[in-house]
Amino acid sequence: MDVRGQRKVHEYFSQMAIQREQALFPGAVEMMILAILKPQGLHGYAIAYEIQRRSNNLLLIQGGTIYQAARRLSKEKLISAEWVRSSRNRRICIYKITAAGAEHLDREVLRFEKMLKGMTHVLASAATLPSQTHFVSMFEFSLHHSLETK
């Protein structure tokens, strides 16, 4: 692939990442950052990587988004930020969750789970006939196939 093709691929995936970020509900990035930081402190790109890894590549959060959210969380005293030297002697900012941040995360997770449960009930009640028909067709095929083999 030539340079122009590589650039197009990069632009496509960058645009997809931006669209995925925009599809998240308000506070989602902050909640994920707090969850990622609960076991240990990390720098911004490691947080972004962990979100991507733990979501099985479904969520790609840009570094700038992480840093903006980290600034907001730091202002609210939900995380702390400490500048240190990396193993390569570069200055990096390590973010750690505070006790207030851990409490906030627990409250937000409960609120999110309640909202998700409600949405699940609504979406489950909207089951459509074609999907039920598909299930019946699969069952009939399976039954027909098992009768043929006897």
Foldseek 3Di string as FASTA:
>chain_A
DDPVVVVVVVVVVVVVQVVLVVPDDPCPLLLQLLVVQAVHWDFQVVSQVVVCVVVVNSHHHDSVVSVVSLVVCVVVVQKPWDWDADPVRDTTIIIHGDPVNVVVSVVVVVVVVVVVVVVVVVVVVVDDPVVVVVVVVVVVVVVVVVVVVD
